[in-house]
Amino acid sequence: MKSLFTLCAAALIGTTAQACAAAPTISAVETVKSGMGWRFSVTLSHPDTGWEHFADGWDVLDAAGNVLGSRELMHPHVTTQPFTRSLSNVYVADGIRQVFVRARCSRDGWASELFEVTLTP
């Protein structure tokens, strides 16, 4: 039978590992219609630790999961959290009013949570 200390230590190690593996979190998305496309400004945060582990991109998706636009983030933001980056000229078909944004980190890949965005022309 495992001791209470062993069980508590295992729980703490698991909690610490989960905290270190936190996915990028999107807190806001602003959109502006510009000509035939849209400009997306995405604010996100992630516990970047440096070049080995940082939020490295985000996508705009339609309801079917098709990628409408991608923004690559070129460097870690260890001391600048949250941060906002934009992507222009994202084409969204006429009539579509709901899109989704997902974020990615360099070590763990795509976050499972999507941020829903309502487009208002």
PDB file of N, CA and C in Angstrom:
ATOM      1  N   MET A   1       0.844  -1.179   0.000  1.00  0.00           N
ATOM      2  CA  MET A   1       0.000   0.000   0.000  1.00  0.00           C
ATOM      3  C   MET A   1       0.893   1.248   0.000  1.00  0.00           C
ATOM      4  N   LYS A   2       0.563   2.217  -0.836  1.00  0.00           N
ATOM      5  CA  LYS A   2       1.366   3.421  -0.923  1.00  0.00           C
ATOM      6  C   LYS A   2       1.109   4.319   0.280  1.00  0.00           C
ATOM      7  N   SER A   3       2.172   4.986   0.694  1.00  0.00           N
ATOM      8  CA  SER A   3       2.021   5.898   1.825  1.00  0.00           C
ATOM      9  C   SER A   3       1.315   7.176   1.384  1.00  0.00           C
ATOM     10  N   LEU A   4       0.771   7.904   2.355  1.00  0.00           N
ATOM     11  CA  LEU A   4       0.116   9.178   2.083  1.00  0.00           C
ATOM     12  C   LEU A   4       1.126  10.148   1.465  1.00  0.00           C
ATOM     13  N   PHE A   5       2.372  10.123   1.939  1.00  0.00           N
ATOM     14  CA  PHE A   5       3.412  10.996   1.389  1.00  0.00           C
ATOM     15  C   PHE A   5       3.629  10.713  -0.093  1.00  0.00           C
ATOM     16  N   THR A   6       3.710   9.456  -0.488  1.00  0.00           N
ATOM     17  CA  THR A   6       3.923   9.075  -1.881  1.00  0.00           C
ATOM     18  C   THR A   6       2.767   9.563  -2.754  1.00  0.00           C
ATOM     19  N   LEU A   7       1.545   9.381  -2.278  1.00  0.00           N
ATOM     20  CA  LEU A   7       0.383   9.827  -3.040  1.00  0.00           C
ATOM     21  C   LEU A   7       0.353  11.343  -3.178  1.00  0.00           C
ATOM     22  N   CYS A   8       0.659  12.073  -2.098  1.00  0.00           N
ATOM     23  CA  CYS A   8       0.678  13.540  -2.153  1.00  0.00           C
ATOM     24  C   CYS A   8       1.782  14.032  -3.076  1.00  0.00           C
ATOM     25  N   ALA A   9       2.955  13.428  -3.024  1.00  0.00           N
ATOM     26  CA  ALA A   9       4.065  13.826  -3.891  1.00  0.00           C
ATOM     27  C   ALA A   9       3.696  13.598  -5.353  1.00  0.00           C
ATOM     28  N   ALA A  10       3.075  12.471  -5.647  1.00  0.00           N
ATOM     29  CA  ALA A  10       2.662  12.183  -7.025  1.00  0.00           C
ATOM     30  C   ALA A  10       1.639  13.201  -7.496  1.00  0.00           C
ATOM     31  N   ALA A  11       0.719  13.582  -6.629  1.00  0.00           N
ATOM     32  CA  ALA A  11      -0.295  14.579  -6.995  1.00  0.00           C
ATOM     33  C   ALA A  11       0.354  15.923  -7.264  1.00  0.00           C
ATOM     34  N   LEU A  12       1.322  16.311  -6.437  1.00  0.00           N
ATOM     35  CA  LEU A  12       2.009  17.585  -6.627  1.00  0.00           C
ATOM     36  C   LEU A  12       2.827  17.589  -7.912  1.00  0.00           C
ATOM     37  N   ILE A  13       3.512  16.510  -8.189  1.00  0.00           N
ATOM     38  CA  ILE A  13       4.297  16.418  -9.425  1.00  0.00           C
ATOM     39  C   ILE A  13       3.379  16.515 -10.629  1.00  0.00           C
ATOM     40  N   GLY A  14       2.247  15.828 -10.598  1.00  0.00           N
ATOM     41  CA  GLY A  14       1.285  15.896 -11.697  1.00  0.00           C
ATOM     42  C   GLY A  14       0.752  17.308 -11.890  1.00  0.00           C
ATOM     43  N   THR A  15       0.449  17.997 -10.796  1.00  0.00           N
ATOM     44  CA  THR A  15      -0.057  19.367 -10.868  1.00  0.00           C
ATOM     45  C   THR A  15       0.993  20.292 -11.451  1.00  0.00           C
ATOM     46  N   THR A  16       2.235  20.146 -11.023  1.00  0.00           N
ATOM     47  CA  THR A  16       3.314  20.985 -11.548  1.00  0.00           C
ATOM     48  C   THR A  16       3.520  20.736 -13.024  1.00  0.00           C
ATOM     49  N   ALA A  17       3.486  19.486 -13.447  1.00  0.00           N
ATOM     50  CA  ALA A  17       3.670  19.171 -14.861  1.00  0.00           C
ATOM     51  C   ALA A  17       2.547  19.778 -15.689  1.00  0.00           C
ATOM     52  N   GLN A  18       1.319  19.726 -15.186  1.00  0.00           N
ATOM     53  CA  GLN A  18       0.206  20.315 -15.918  1.00  0.00           C
ATOM     54  C   GLN A  18       0.360  21.821 -16.014  1.00  0.00           C
ATOM     55  N   ALA A  19       0.813  22.479 -14.937  1.00  0.00           N
ATOM     56  CA  ALA A  19       0.969  23.926 -14.963  1.00  0.00           C
ATOM     57  C   ALA A  19       2.040  24.325 -15.971  1.00  0.00           C
ATOM     58  N   CYS A  20       3.121  23.566 -16.052  1.00  0.00           N
ATOM     59  CA  CYS A  20       4.200  23.877 -16.984  1.00  0.00           C
ATOM     60  C   CYS A  20       3.765  23.635 -18.430  1.00  0.00           C
ATOM     61  N   ALA A  21       2.823  22.737 -18.629  1.00  0.00           N
ATOM     62  CA  ALA A  21       2.380  22.403 -19.979  1.00  0.00           C
ATOM     63  C   ALA A  21       1.116  23.168 -20.372  1.00  0.00           C
ATOM     64  N   ALA A  22       0.888  24.331 -19.740  1.00  0.00           N
ATOM     65  CA  ALA A  22      -0.318  25.108 -20.036  1.00  0.00           C
ATOM     66  C   ALA A  22      -0.338  25.508 -21.506  1.00  0.00           C
ATOM     67  N   ALA A  23      -1.508  25.374 -22.096  1.00  0.00           N
ATOM     68  CA  ALA A  23      -1.685  25.745 -23.506  1.00  0.00           C
ATOM     69  C   ALA A  23      -1.784  27.262 -23.625  1.00  0.00           C
ATOM     70  N   PRO A  24      -1.493  27.800 -24.806  1.00  0.00           N
ATOM     71  CA  PRO A  24      -1.712  29.228 -25.016  1.00  0.00           C
ATOM     72  C   PRO A  24      -3.194  29.550 -24.820  1.00  0.00           C
ATOM     73  N   THR A  25      -3.479  30.677 -24.199  1.00  0.00           N
ATOM     74  CA  THR A  25      -4.847  31.092 -23.935  1.00  0.00           C
ATOM     75  C   THR A  25      -5.147  32.377 -24.688  1.00  0.00           C
ATOM     76  N   ILE A  26      -6.216  32.366 -25.471  1.00  0.00           N
ATOM     77  CA  ILE A  26      -6.647  33.555 -26.198  1.00  0.00           C
ATOM     78  C   ILE A  26      -7.634  34.300 -25.313  1.00  0.00           C
ATOM     79  N   SER A  27      -7.356  35.585 -25.058  1.00  0.00           N
ATOM     80  CA  SER A  27      -8.241  36.371 -24.192  1.00  0.00           C
ATOM     81  C   SER A  27      -9.093  37.357 -24.969  1.00  0.00           C
ATOM     82  N   ALA A  28      -8.684  37.707 -26.186  1.00  0.00           N
ATOM     83  CA  ALA A  28      -9.472  38.662 -26.976  1.00  0.00           C
ATOM     84  C   ALA A  28      -9.111  38.543 -28.449  1.00  0.00           C
ATOM     85  N   VAL A  29     -10.110  38.802 -29.297  1.00  0.00           N
ATOM     86  CA  VAL A  29      -9.892  38.875 -30.744  1.00  0.00           C
ATOM     87  C   VAL A  29     -10.695  40.066 -31.257  1.00  0.00           C
ATOM     88  N   GLU A  30     -10.011  40.989 -31.906  1.00  0.00           N
ATOM     89  CA  GLU A  30     -10.675  42.128 -32.536  1.00  0.00           C
ATOM     90  C   GLU A  30     -10.614  41.929 -34.040  1.00  0.00           C
ATOM     91  N   THR A  31     -11.709  42.244 -34.717  1.00  0.00           N
ATOM     92  CA  THR A  31     -11.765  42.088 -36.169  1.00  0.00           C
ATOM     93  C   THR A  31     -12.195  43.397 -36.815  1.00  0.00           C
ATOM     94  N   VAL A  32     -11.646  43.638 -38.001  1.00  0.00           N
ATOM     95  CA  VAL A  32     -12.015  44.809 -38.795  1.00  0.00           C
ATOM     96  C   VAL A  32     -12.123  44.360 -40.239  1.00  0.00           C
ATOM     97  N   LYS A  33     -13.245  44.672 -40.872  1.00  0.00           N
ATOM     98  CA  LYS A  33     -13.419  44.374 -42.306  1.00  0.00           C
ATOM     99  C   LYS A  33     -12.572  45.367 -43.079  1.00  0.00           C
ATOM    100  N   SER A  34     -11.765  44.868 -43.991  1.00  0.00           N
ATOM    101  CA  SER A  34     -10.857  45.713 -44.758  1.00  0.00           C
ATOM    102  C   SER A  34     -10.851  45.255 -46.212  1.00  0.00           C
ATOM    103  N   GLY A  35     -11.541  45.982 -47.081  1.00  0.00           N
ATOM    104  CA  GLY A  35     -11.645  45.584 -48.483  1.00  0.00           C
ATOM    105  C   GLY A  35     -12.348  44.251 -48.605  1.00  0.00           C
ATOM    106  N   MET A  36     -11.710  43.305 -49.285  1.00  0.00           N
ATOM    107  CA  MET A  36     -12.283  41.962 -49.468  1.00  0.00           C
ATOM    108  C   MET A  36     -11.955  41.024 -48.303  1.00  0.00           C
ATOM    109  N   GLY A  37     -11.091  41.460 -47.401  1.00  0.00           N
ATOM    110  CA  GLY A  37     -10.662  40.580 -46.320  1.00  0.00           C
ATOM    111  C   GLY A  37     -10.944  41.152 -44.945  1.00  0.00           C
ATOM    112  N   TRP A  38     -10.432  40.463 -43.953  1.00  0.00           N
ATOM    113  CA  TRP A  38     -10.574  40.858 -42.556  1.00  0.00           C
ATOM    114  C   TRP A  38      -9.200  40.962 -41.922  1.00  0.00           C
ATOM    115  N   ARG A  39      -9.099  41.851 -40.930  1.00  0.00           N
ATOM    116  CA  ARG A  39      -7.891  41.948 -40.111  1.00  0.00           C
ATOM    117  C   ARG A  39      -8.246  41.401 -38.730  1.00  0.00           C
ATOM    118  N   PHE A  40      -7.463  40.422 -38.263  1.00  0.00           N
ATOM    119  CA  PHE A  40      -7.660  39.811 -36.953  1.00  0.00           C
ATOM    120  C   PHE A  40      -6.511  40.237 -36.042  1.00  0.00           C
ATOM    121  N   SER A  41      -6.843  40.784 -34.877  1.00  0.00           N
ATOM    122  CA  SER A  41      -5.855  41.107 -33.841  1.00  0.00           C
ATOM    123  C   SER A  41      -6.147  40.203 -32.654  1.00  0.00           C
ATOM    124  N   VAL A  42      -5.219  39.312 -32.365  1.00  0.00           N
ATOM    125  CA  VAL A  42      -5.419  38.269 -31.357  1.00  0.00           C
ATOM    126  C   VAL A  42      -4.515  38.539 -30.153  1.00  0.00           C
ATOM    127  N   THR A  43      -5.138  38.586 -28.981  1.00  0.00           N
ATOM    128  CA  THR A  43      -4.394  38.742 -27.731  1.00  0.00           C
ATOM    129  C   THR A  43      -4.335  37.387 -27.052  1.00  0.00           C
ATOM    130  N   LEU A  44      -3.111  36.943 -26.746  1.00  0.00           N
ATOM    131  CA  LEU A  44      -2.965  35.645 -26.097  1.00  0.00           C
ATOM    132  C   LEU A  44      -1.880  35.684 -25.049  1.00  0.00           C
ATOM    133  N   SER A  45      -1.915  34.681 -24.191  1.00  0.00           N
ATOM    134  CA  SER A  45      -0.870  34.527 -23.180  1.00  0.00           C
ATOM    135  C   SER A  45      -0.470  33.059 -23.109  1.00  0.00           C
ATOM    136  N   HIS A  46       0.758  32.857 -22.663  1.00  0.00           N
ATOM    137  CA  HIS A  46       1.313  31.508 -22.561  1.00  0.00           C
ATOM    138  C   HIS A  46       2.532  31.605 -21.656  1.00  0.00           C
ATOM    139  N   PRO A  47       2.781  30.621 -20.825  1.00  0.00           N
ATOM    140  CA  PRO A  47       3.966  30.679 -19.960  1.00  0.00           C
ATOM    141  C   PRO A  47       5.255  30.381 -20.743  1.00  0.00           C
ATOM    142  N   ASP A  48       5.584  31.272 -21.686  1.00  0.00           N
ATOM    143  CA  ASP A  48       6.806  31.100 -22.485  1.00  0.00           C
ATOM    144  C   ASP A  48       8.017  30.997 -21.556  1.00  0.00           C
ATOM    145  N   THR A  49       8.909  30.057 -21.867  1.00  0.00           N
ATOM    146  CA  THR A  49      10.132  29.916 -21.071  1.00  0.00           C
ATOM    147  C   THR A  49      11.374  30.281 -21.871  1.00  0.00           C
ATOM    148  N   GLY A  50      11.224  30.520 -23.148  1.00  0.00           N
ATOM    149  CA  GLY A  50      12.349  30.828 -24.029  1.00  0.00           C
ATOM    150  C   GLY A  50      12.159  30.111 -25.351  1.00  0.00           C
ATOM    151  N   TRP A  51      13.238  30.009 -26.108  1.00  0.00           N
ATOM    152  CA  TRP A  51      13.169  29.429 -27.455  1.00  0.00           C
ATOM    153  C   TRP A  51      12.720  27.973 -27.465  1.00  0.00           C
ATOM    154  N   GLU A  52      12.909  27.255 -26.359  1.00  0.00           N
ATOM    155  CA  GLU A  52      12.534  25.838 -26.323  1.00  0.00           C
ATOM    156  C   GLU A  52      11.038  25.620 -26.090  1.00  0.00           C
ATOM    157  N   HIS A  53      10.322  26.665 -25.636  1.00  0.00           N
ATOM    158  CA  HIS A  53       8.886  26.503 -25.355  1.00  0.00           C
ATOM    159  C   HIS A  53       8.205  27.862 -25.340  1.00  0.00           C
ATOM    160  N   PHE A  54       7.470  28.155 -26.417  1.00  0.00           N
ATOM    161  CA  PHE A  54       6.765  29.433 -26.502  1.00  0.00           C
ATOM    162  C   PHE A  54       5.558  29.327 -27.427  1.00  0.00           C
ATOM    163  N   ALA A  55       4.614  30.269 -27.268  1.00  0.00           N
ATOM    164  CA  ALA A  55       3.461  30.333 -28.175  1.00  0.00           C
ATOM    165  C   ALA A  55       4.005  30.737 -29.535  1.00  0.00           C
ATOM    166  N   ASP A  56       3.787  29.883 -30.545  1.00  0.00           N
ATOM    167  CA  ASP A  56       4.439  30.149 -31.832  1.00  0.00           C
ATOM    168  C   ASP A  56       3.482  30.339 -33.004  1.00  0.00           C
ATOM    169  N   GLY A  57       2.161  30.457 -32.722  1.00  0.00           N
ATOM    170  CA  GLY A  57       1.275  30.742 -33.833  1.00  0.00           C
ATOM    171  C   GLY A  57      -0.186  30.645 -33.478  1.00  0.00           C
ATOM    172  N   TRP A  58      -1.018  31.108 -34.408  1.00  0.00           N
ATOM    173  CA  TRP A  58      -2.463  30.961 -34.284  1.00  0.00           C
ATOM    174  C   TRP A  58      -3.090  30.909 -35.669  1.00  0.00           C
ATOM    175  N   ASP A  59      -4.258  30.273 -35.742  1.00  0.00           N
ATOM    176  CA  ASP A  59      -5.020  30.112 -36.986  1.00  0.00           C
ATOM    177  C   ASP A  59      -6.419  30.678 -36.826  1.00  0.00           C
ATOM    178  N   VAL A  60      -6.980  31.127 -37.949  1.00  0.00           N
ATOM    179  CA  VAL A  60      -8.393  31.456 -38.045  1.00  0.00           C
ATOM    180  C   VAL A  60      -9.049  30.316 -38.820  1.00  0.00           C
ATOM    181  N   LEU A  61     -10.121  29.737 -38.250  1.00  0.00           N
ATOM    182  CA  LEU A  61     -10.796  28.584 -38.849  1.00  0.00           C
ATOM    183  C   LEU A  61     -12.265  28.900 -39.119  1.00  0.00           C
ATOM    184  N   ASP A  62     -12.820  28.259 -40.155  1.00  0.00           N
ATOM    185  CA  ASP A  62     -14.274  28.332 -40.334  1.00  0.00           C
ATOM    186  C   ASP A  62     -14.910  27.212 -39.499  1.00  0.00           C
ATOM    187  N   ALA A  63     -16.237  27.120 -39.519  1.00  0.00           N
ATOM    188  CA  ALA A  63     -16.947  26.136 -38.699  1.00  0.00           C
ATOM    189  C   ALA A  63     -16.616  24.695 -39.073  1.00  0.00           C
ATOM    190  N   ALA A  64     -16.176  24.468 -40.310  1.00  0.00           N
ATOM    191  CA  ALA A  64     -15.816  23.120 -40.754  1.00  0.00           C
ATOM    192  C   ALA A  64     -14.370  22.767 -40.410  1.00  0.00           C
ATOM    193  N   GLY A  65     -13.635  23.713 -39.816  1.00  0.00           N
ATOM    194  CA  GLY A  65     -12.245  23.459 -39.445  1.00  0.00           C
ATOM    195  C   GLY A  65     -11.237  23.814 -40.518  1.00  0.00           C
ATOM    196  N   ASN A  66     -11.696  24.429 -41.602  1.00  0.00           N
ATOM    197  CA  ASN A  66     -10.773  24.860 -42.657  1.00  0.00           C
ATOM    198  C   ASN A  66      -9.992  26.085 -42.201  1.00  0.00           C
ATOM    199  N   VAL A  67      -8.700  26.090 -42.480  1.00  0.00           N
ATOM    200  CA  VAL A  67      -7.852  27.212 -42.093  1.00  0.00           C
ATOM    201  C   VAL A  67      -8.047  28.347 -43.091  1.00  0.00           C
ATOM    202  N   LEU A  68      -8.464  29.509 -42.572  1.00  0.00           N
ATOM    203  CA  LEU A  68      -8.679  30.695 -43.407  1.00  0.00           C
ATOM    204  C   LEU A  68      -7.455  31.609 -43.395  1.00  0.00           C
ATOM    205  N   GLY A  69      -6.671  31.531 -42.333  1.00  0.00           N
ATOM    206  CA  GLY A  69      -5.465  32.342 -42.222  1.00  0.00           C
ATOM    207  C   GLY A  69      -4.618  31.841 -41.074  1.00  0.00           C
ATOM    208  N   SER A  70      -3.302  32.057 -41.169  1.00  0.00           N
ATOM    209  CA  SER A  70      -2.367  31.619 -40.125  1.00  0.00           C
ATOM    210  C   SER A  70      -1.383  32.731 -39.809  1.00  0.00           C
ATOM    211  N   ARG A  71      -1.093  32.886 -38.534  1.00  0.00           N
ATOM    212  CA  ARG A  71      -0.083  33.848 -38.102  1.00  0.00           C
ATOM    213  C   ARG A  71       0.998  33.088 -37.366  1.00  0.00           C
ATOM    214  N   GLU A  72       2.229  33.182 -37.853  1.00  0.00           N
ATOM    215  CA  GLU A  72       3.369  32.570 -37.194  1.00  0.00           C
ATOM    216  C   GLU A  72       3.988  33.591 -36.253  1.00  0.00           C
ATOM    217  N   LEU A  73       4.268  33.166 -35.034  1.00  0.00           N
ATOM    218  CA  LEU A  73       4.925  34.028 -34.053  1.00  0.00           C
ATOM    219  C   LEU A  73       6.390  33.623 -34.021  1.00  0.00           C
ATOM    220  N   MET A  74       7.255  34.581 -34.267  1.00  0.00           N
ATOM    221  CA  MET A  74       8.648  34.282 -34.573  1.00  0.00           C
ATOM    222  C   MET A  74       9.592  34.198 -33.375  1.00  0.00           C
ATOM    223  N   HIS A  75       9.121  34.593 -32.187  1.00  0.00           N
ATOM    224  CA  HIS A  75      10.031  34.571 -31.034  1.00  0.00           C
ATOM    225  C   HIS A  75       9.232  34.469 -29.743  1.00  0.00           C
ATOM    226  N   PRO A  76       9.879  34.060 -28.644  1.00  0.00           N
ATOM    227  CA  PRO A  76       9.187  33.960 -27.359  1.00  0.00           C
ATOM    228  C   PRO A  76       8.855  35.350 -26.794  1.00  0.00           C
ATOM    229  N   HIS A  77       7.836  35.373 -25.951  1.00  0.00           N
ATOM    230  CA  HIS A  77       7.428  36.594 -25.252  1.00  0.00           C
ATOM    231  C   HIS A  77       7.480  36.313 -23.748  1.00  0.00           C
ATOM    232  N   VAL A  78       8.670  36.034 -23.257  1.00  0.00           N
ATOM    233  CA  VAL A  78       8.841  35.625 -21.862  1.00  0.00           C
ATOM    234  C   VAL A  78       8.402  36.725 -20.906  1.00  0.00           C
ATOM    235  N   THR A  79       8.753  37.969 -21.204  1.00  0.00           N
ATOM    236  CA  THR A  79       8.457  39.071 -20.281  1.00  0.00           C
ATOM    237  C   THR A  79       7.311  39.965 -20.748  1.00  0.00           C
ATOM    238  N   THR A  80       6.695  39.631 -21.865  1.00  0.00           N
ATOM    239  CA  THR A  80       5.600  40.445 -22.407  1.00  0.00           C
ATOM    240  C   THR A  80       4.347  39.578 -22.528  1.00  0.00           C
ATOM    241  N   GLN A  81       3.583  39.507 -21.475  1.00  0.00           N
ATOM    242  CA  GLN A  81       2.371  38.676 -21.446  1.00  0.00           C
ATOM    243  C   GLN A  81       1.221  39.473 -20.854  1.00  0.00           C
ATOM    244  N   PRO A  82       0.037  39.412 -21.373  1.00  0.00           N
ATOM    245  CA  PRO A  82      -0.291  38.874 -22.692  1.00  0.00           C
ATOM    246  C   PRO A  82       0.233  39.799 -23.787  1.00  0.00           C
ATOM    247  N   PHE A  83       0.154  39.340 -25.017  1.00  0.00           N
ATOM    248  CA  PHE A  83       0.598  40.151 -26.150  1.00  0.00           C
ATOM    249  C   PHE A  83      -0.396  39.998 -27.291  1.00  0.00           C
ATOM    250  N   THR A  84      -0.397  40.980 -28.206  1.00  0.00           N
ATOM    251  CA  THR A  84      -1.338  40.992 -29.322  1.00  0.00           C
ATOM    252  C   THR A  84      -0.567  41.049 -30.633  1.00  0.00           C
ATOM    253  N   ARG A  85      -0.973  40.210 -31.570  1.00  0.00           N
ATOM    254  CA  ARG A  85      -0.406  40.235 -32.919  1.00  0.00           C
ATOM    255  C   ARG A  85      -1.557  40.159 -33.912  1.00  0.00           C
ATOM    256  N   SER A  86      -1.334  40.742 -35.086  1.00  0.00           N
ATOM    257  CA  SER A  86      -2.404  40.853 -36.080  1.00  0.00           C
ATOM    258  C   SER A  86      -2.068  40.109 -37.362  1.00  0.00           C
ATOM    259  N   LEU A  87      -3.124  39.836 -38.115  1.00  0.00           N
ATOM    260  CA  LEU A  87      -3.020  39.223 -39.435  1.00  0.00           C
ATOM    261  C   LEU A  87      -4.064  39.883 -40.318  1.00  0.00           C
ATOM    262  N   SER A  88      -3.626  40.402 -41.463  1.00  0.00           N
ATOM    263  CA  SER A  88      -4.535  41.079 -42.393  1.00  0.00           C
ATOM    264  C   SER A  88      -4.819  40.200 -43.602  1.00  0.00           C
ATOM    265  N   ASN A  89      -5.813  40.630 -44.378  1.00  0.00           N
ATOM    266  CA  ASN A  89      -6.180  39.968 -45.633  1.00  0.00           C
ATOM    267  C   ASN A  89      -6.637  38.526 -45.461  1.00  0.00           C
ATOM    268  N   VAL A  90      -7.396  38.278 -44.403  1.00  0.00           N
ATOM    269  CA  VAL A  90      -7.977  36.953 -44.202  1.00  0.00           C
ATOM    270  C   VAL A  90      -9.318  36.950 -44.928  1.00  0.00           C
ATOM    271  N   TYR A  91      -9.434  36.111 -45.948  1.00  0.00           N
ATOM    272  CA  TYR A  91     -10.663  36.043 -46.730  1.00  0.00           C
ATOM    273  C   TYR A  91     -11.669  35.127 -46.036  1.00  0.00           C
ATOM    274  N   VAL A  92     -12.861  35.673 -45.779  1.00  0.00           N
ATOM    275  CA  VAL A  92     -13.960  34.912 -45.197  1.00  0.00           C
ATOM    276  C   VAL A  92     -15.125  35.034 -46.171  1.00  0.00           C
ATOM    277  N   ALA A  93     -15.662  33.916 -46.600  1.00  0.00           N
ATOM    278  CA  ALA A  93     -16.740  33.912 -47.594  1.00  0.00           C
ATOM    279  C   ALA A  93     -17.932  34.735 -47.110  1.00  0.00           C
ATOM    280  N   ASP A  94     -18.603  35.384 -48.059  1.00  0.00           N
ATOM    281  CA  ASP A  94     -19.805  36.162 -47.745  1.00  0.00           C
ATOM    282  C   ASP A  94     -20.818  35.299 -47.010  1.00  0.00           C
ATOM    283  N   GLY A  95     -21.446  35.882 -46.015  1.00  0.00           N
ATOM    284  CA  GLY A  95     -22.477  35.177 -45.268  1.00  0.00           C
ATOM    285  C   GLY A  95     -21.975  34.466 -44.029  1.00  0.00           C
ATOM    286  N   ILE A  96     -20.679  34.223 -43.933  1.00  0.00           N
ATOM    287  CA  ILE A  96     -20.135  33.563 -42.739  1.00  0.00           C
ATOM    288  C   ILE A  96     -19.977  34.609 -41.643  1.00  0.00           C
ATOM    289  N   ARG A  97     -20.576  34.352 -40.495  1.00  0.00           N
ATOM    290  CA  ARG A  97     -20.534  35.304 -39.384  1.00  0.00           C
ATOM    291  C   ARG A  97     -19.838  34.745 -38.153  1.00  0.00           C
ATOM    292  N   GLN A  98     -19.515  33.449 -38.154  1.00  0.00           N
ATOM    293  CA  GLN A  98     -18.818  32.830 -37.029  1.00  0.00           C
ATOM    294  C   GLN A  98     -17.528  32.186 -37.531  1.00  0.00           C
ATOM    295  N   VAL A  99     -16.424  32.527 -36.897  1.00  0.00           N
ATOM    296  CA  VAL A  99     -15.152  31.860 -37.145  1.00  0.00           C
ATOM    297  C   VAL A  99     -14.533  31.548 -35.783  1.00  0.00           C
ATOM    298  N   PHE A 100     -13.432  30.826 -35.809  1.00  0.00           N
ATOM    299  CA  PHE A 100     -12.782  30.397 -34.574  1.00  0.00           C
ATOM    300  C   PHE A 100     -11.287  30.648 -34.694  1.00  0.00           C
ATOM    301  N   VAL A 101     -10.662  30.937 -33.554  1.00  0.00           N
ATOM    302  CA  VAL A 101      -9.212  31.118 -33.517  1.00  0.00           C
ATOM    303  C   VAL A 101      -8.652  30.079 -32.552  1.00  0.00           C
ATOM    304  N   ARG A 102      -7.563  29.435 -32.981  1.00  0.00           N
ATOM    305  CA  ARG A 102      -6.880  28.467 -32.110  1.00  0.00           C
ATOM    306  C   ARG A 102      -5.407  28.861 -32.049  1.00  0.00           C
ATOM    307  N   ALA A 103      -4.780  28.584 -30.909  1.00  0.00           N
ATOM    308  CA  ALA A 103      -3.384  28.947 -30.695  1.00  0.00           C
ATOM    309  C   ALA A 103      -2.521  27.685 -30.598  1.00  0.00           C
ATOM    310  N   ARG A 104      -1.226  27.880 -30.815  1.00  0.00           N
ATOM    311  CA  ARG A 104      -0.284  26.749 -30.815  1.00  0.00           C
ATOM    312  C   ARG A 104       0.957  27.137 -30.019  1.00  0.00           C
ATOM    313  N   CYS A 105       1.572  26.142 -29.390  1.00  0.00           N
ATOM    314  CA  CYS A 105       2.877  26.382 -28.759  1.00  0.00           C
ATOM    315  C   CYS A 105       3.902  25.445 -29.383  1.00  0.00           C
ATOM    316  N   SER A 106       5.144  25.856 -29.306  1.00  0.00           N
ATOM    317  CA  SER A 106       6.230  25.155 -30.001  1.00  0.00           C
ATOM    318  C   SER A 106       6.464  23.742 -29.484  1.00  0.00           C
ATOM    319  N   ARG A 107       6.143  23.476 -28.234  1.00  0.00           N
ATOM    320  CA  ARG A 107       6.400  22.150 -27.671  1.00  0.00           C
ATOM    321  C   ARG A 107       5.174  21.245 -27.679  1.00  0.00           C
ATOM    322  N   ASP A 108       4.004  21.789 -27.338  1.00  0.00           N
ATOM    323  CA  ASP A 108       2.824  20.951 -27.148  1.00  0.00           C
ATOM    324  C   ASP A 108       1.832  20.971 -28.300  1.00  0.00           C
ATOM    325  N   GLY A 109       2.069  21.803 -29.304  1.00  0.00           N
ATOM    326  CA  GLY A 109       1.183  21.839 -30.460  1.00  0.00           C
ATOM    327  C   GLY A 109      -0.058  22.679 -30.227  1.00  0.00           C
ATOM    328  N   TRP A 110      -1.140  22.320 -30.929  1.00  0.00           N
ATOM    329  CA  TRP A 110      -2.372  23.105 -30.908  1.00  0.00           C
ATOM    330  C   TRP A 110      -3.123  22.957 -29.599  1.00  0.00           C
ATOM    331  N   ALA A 111      -3.603  24.080 -29.070  1.00  0.00           N
ATOM    332  CA  ALA A 111      -4.473  24.065 -27.894  1.00  0.00           C
ATOM    333  C   ALA A 111      -5.811  23.462 -28.307  1.00  0.00           C
ATOM    334  N   SER A 112      -6.455  22.769 -27.406  1.00  0.00           N
ATOM    335  CA  SER A 112      -7.737  22.142 -27.746  1.00  0.00           C
ATOM    336  C   SER A 112      -8.888  23.144 -27.719  1.00  0.00           C
ATOM    337  N   GLU A 113      -8.719  24.224 -26.987  1.00  0.00           N
ATOM    338  CA  GLU A 113      -9.792  25.213 -26.860  1.00  0.00           C
ATOM    339  C   GLU A 113      -9.792  26.186 -28.041  1.00  0.00           C
ATOM    340  N   LEU A 114     -10.987  26.422 -28.595  1.00  0.00           N
ATOM    341  CA  LEU A 114     -11.159  27.390 -29.685  1.00  0.00           C
ATOM    342  C   LEU A 114     -11.817  28.646 -29.139  1.00  0.00           C
ATOM    343  N   PHE A 115     -11.453  29.795 -29.699  1.00  0.00           N
ATOM    344  CA  PHE A 115     -12.052  31.070 -29.325  1.00  0.00           C
ATOM    345  C   PHE A 115     -13.013  31.455 -30.434  1.00  0.00           C
ATOM    346  N   GLU A 116     -14.296  31.543 -30.116  1.00  0.00           N
ATOM    347  CA  GLU A 116     -15.324  31.854 -31.108  1.00  0.00           C
ATOM    348  C   GLU A 116     -15.384  33.359 -31.352  1.00  0.00           C
ATOM    349  N   VAL A 117     -15.469  33.733 -32.623  1.00  0.00           N
ATOM    350  CA  VAL A 117     -15.504  35.135 -33.017  1.00  0.00           C
ATOM    351  C   VAL A 117     -16.732  35.376 -33.902  1.00  0.00           C
ATOM    352  N   THR A 118     -17.498  36.398 -33.568  1.00  0.00           N
ATOM    353  CA  THR A 118     -18.633  36.803 -34.404  1.00  0.00           C
ATOM    354  C   THR A 118     -18.194  37.971 -35.273  1.00  0.00           C
ATOM    355  N   LEU A 119     -18.323  37.817 -36.571  1.00  0.00           N
ATOM    356  CA  LEU A 119     -17.934  38.863 -37.522  1.00  0.00           C
ATOM    357  C   LEU A 119     -19.114  39.795 -37.783  1.00  0.00           C
ATOM    358  N   THR A 120     -18.863  41.089 -37.665  1.00  0.00           N
ATOM    359  CA  THR A 120     -19.893  42.089 -37.948  1.00  0.00           C
ATOM    360  C   THR A 120     -19.365  43.039 -39.010  1.00  0.00           C
ATOM    361  N   PRO A 121     -19.908  42.916 -40.228  1.00  0.00           N
ATOM    362  CA  PRO A 121     -19.405  43.774 -41.311  1.00  0.00           C
ATOM    363  C   PRO A 121     -19.729  45.253 -41.104  1.00  0.00           C
TER     364      PRO A 121
END
